[in-house]
Amino acid sequence: MSGADTIRVVGHGASSVEPDVVVVALGVEVTAAAPAAALQAGSTAFGQLRAALLDGGVEPHRLQTSHISLQPEWDHRGGRRPVGYLARADVTAVLPDPSRLGDLLAAAVERGGDAARVYNIAWQVSDPDQAAAAARTDAFADAHRRAEHYASLAGRALGTAVKITEGNDLGDGFRHRRFAGAALMASAGMDVDAGEVAITTAVAVTWELT
């Protein structure tokens, strides 16, 4: 077999699945005249926010402190001078029950007070194996269709597949296909829509030409 007797084609596949895990990033920001005061106030607010998550049923091992900082705040009008200190602390919470997200966010923001911040949410799939297998099947079929088309254009036919390569560099992973985002804030919490996550993959297949 020589390189002239083969054809290499990349196929792409995707399989949509409803996410069943949500990851939320939230924290507190407090400004005070002195660094110690900012840090103390931030620590108190952060403790209240964290306690709200735990009281809401989030297991301790699903919480991760992701950021802590203390830095001066500057007034750039008429020269650069410090006007206070900003303390920030962030936590990432993994929620295996997305239906509780709205209530947990509302409780955390209420307990954290004016210092509370919600930065981002991300949807995940706890068991992507079945969807990933479907995406691989789709990707291989796509590669085969493309290869057959090119072979027919060249007046040839496909033979045996001699090399198959799957990898991140070809474009696989997770992609949000439909996400409506956060909706309305109500007294009972916030309504959110999980949408769908598309698990994607790509495969490069080399066939002999006959």
Foldseek 3Di string as FASTA:
>chain_A
DDPVQKDKFKFKFKFKDFFQKKKWKKWFKAKDADQVVQQVLRVQLRVQLVVLLVVLPFDPVQKDWDDWDKAFDWDPPPHTDTRTMMTMTMMMGMDSGCVCVFQSVVSSPVRSDPGMGTDDMDTDHPDCVVRVVNRVVNRVVRRVVVVQVVQVVVVWGWDDWDDKDWDCVSPWAKDQPDFPAWDDQDPNGTDGDRHIIMGMIMMMIMTGID
